[in-house]
């Protein structure tokens, strides 16, 4: 689904074993959102589309961990991506997200 460039938003999270919670490592609107999505796709990182989740994550400061209220939602997303990757035998392919 095409969106107006100004309305596009993207947030990148990082989570590694041993981290207390996922961390917001990039976020932006418009052109910056396009670049975040493009870099993720280039790296073979799965891009998930959830406008509501992105709106919530946009409120988190850059380099901060996500708030406890989002733990369950993000954990379910990470688990789903993990299962998807296992089913594909490698890195999940990207899909459009904003």
Protein backbone atom coordinates (compact mmCIF):
# COMPACT_ATOMS: atom_id res chain seq x y z
CA UNK A 1 0.00 0.00 0.00
CA UNK A 2 1.45 3.34 -1.03
CA UNK A 3 1.45 6.16 1.48
CA UNK A 4 2.24 9.81 1.28
CA UNK A 5 5.99 10.20 1.95
CA UNK A 6 5.37 12.67 4.78
CA UNK A 7 3.12 10.18 6.59
CA UNK A 8 5.62 7.31 6.48
CA UNK A 9 7.37 6.41 9.73
CA UNK A 10 9.83 3.68 10.65
CA UNK A 11 11.49 2.48 13.83
CA UNK A 12 14.40 0.05 14.10
CA UNK A 13 14.87 -2.06 17.20
CA UNK A 14 17.88 -4.04 18.35
CA UNK A 15 17.68 -6.97 20.71
CA UNK A 16 20.52 -9.32 21.52
CA UNK A 17 20.72 -12.21 23.96
CA UNK A 18 21.45 -10.81 27.39
CA UNK A 19 19.79 -7.44 26.73
CA UNK A 20 17.22 -6.44 29.30
CA UNK A 21 14.84 -5.17 26.60
CA UNK A 22 14.88 -4.19 22.92
CA UNK A 23 16.37 -0.78 22.20
CA UNK A 24 15.29 1.86 19.67
CA UNK A 25 18.33 2.32 17.42
CA UNK A 26 16.79 4.35 14.59
CA UNK A 27 13.56 6.17 13.92
CA UNK A 28 12.27 8.75 11.53
CA UNK A 29 9.63 10.01 9.13
CA UNK A 30 9.50 10.50 5.37
CA UNK A 31 12.90 10.18 3.72
CA UNK A 32 14.54 8.95 6.93
CA UNK A 33 11.88 6.23 7.24
CA UNK A 34 12.59 5.19 3.65
CA UNK A 35 16.29 4.93 4.44
CA UNK A 36 15.69 2.86 7.58
CA UNK A 37 13.52 0.44 5.61
CA UNK A 38 15.99 0.28 2.70
CA UNK A 39 18.96 -0.42 4.99
CA UNK A 40 17.03 -3.16 6.77
CA UNK A 41 16.10 -4.80 3.47
CA UNK A 42 19.70 -4.57 2.23
CA UNK A 43 20.85 -6.32 5.40
CA UNK A 44 18.19 -9.03 5.07
CA UNK A 45 16.44 -7.86 8.23
CA UNK A 46 12.71 -8.48 8.42
CA UNK A 47 10.58 -5.35 8.16
CA UNK A 48 7.18 -5.63 9.87
CA UNK A 49 4.24 -3.37 9.11
CA UNK A 50 2.27 -2.17 12.10
CA UNK A 51 1.29 1.47 12.04
CA UNK A 52 0.02 1.33 15.63
CA UNK A 53 3.23 -0.21 16.99
CA UNK A 54 5.38 2.27 15.06
CA UNK A 55 3.36 5.16 16.50
CA UNK A 56 4.01 3.86 20.03
CA UNK A 57 7.71 3.23 19.38
CA UNK A 58 8.16 6.70 17.87
CA UNK A 59 7.50 8.05 21.39
CA UNK A 60 10.57 6.20 22.75
CA UNK A 61 13.78 8.25 22.73
CA UNK A 62 16.58 7.10 20.47
CA UNK A 63 18.93 4.63 22.21
CA UNK A 64 16.38 3.98 24.99
CA UNK A 65 14.91 0.59 25.74
CA UNK A 66 11.27 0.05 24.95
CA UNK A 67 8.91 0.58 27.91
CA UNK A 68 7.61 -2.43 29.85
CA UNK A 69 4.12 -1.82 28.42
CA UNK A 70 5.43 -2.90 24.99
CA UNK A 71 7.41 -5.97 26.15
CA UNK A 72 4.70 -8.51 25.37
CA UNK A 73 3.86 -7.09 21.94
CA UNK A 74 7.49 -6.83 20.86
CA UNK A 75 8.35 -10.25 22.35
CA UNK A 76 5.54 -11.84 20.35
CA UNK A 77 6.82 -10.12 17.19
CA UNK A 78 10.40 -11.28 17.83
CA UNK A 79 9.19 -14.85 18.47
CA UNK A 80 7.11 -14.80 15.28
CA UNK A 81 10.09 -13.55 13.24
CA UNK A 82 12.30 -16.21 14.81
CA UNK A 83 9.83 -18.94 13.81
CA UNK A 84 9.57 -17.45 10.34
CA UNK A 85 13.35 -17.47 9.95
CA UNK A 86 13.57 -21.08 11.11
CA UNK A 87 10.91 -22.06 8.61
CA UNK A 88 12.82 -20.40 5.78
CA UNK A 89 16.14 -21.92 6.80
CA UNK A 90 17.80 -18.53 7.06
CA UNK A 91 17.17 -14.83 7.30
CA UNK A 92 13.61 -13.74 6.77
CA UNK A 93 12.95 -11.74 3.64
CA UNK A 94 11.81 -8.18 4.08
CA UNK A 95 8.35 -6.84 3.41
CA UNK A 96 7.09 -3.28 3.30
CA UNK A 97 6.62 -1.59 6.66
CA UNK A 98 5.84 1.84 7.94
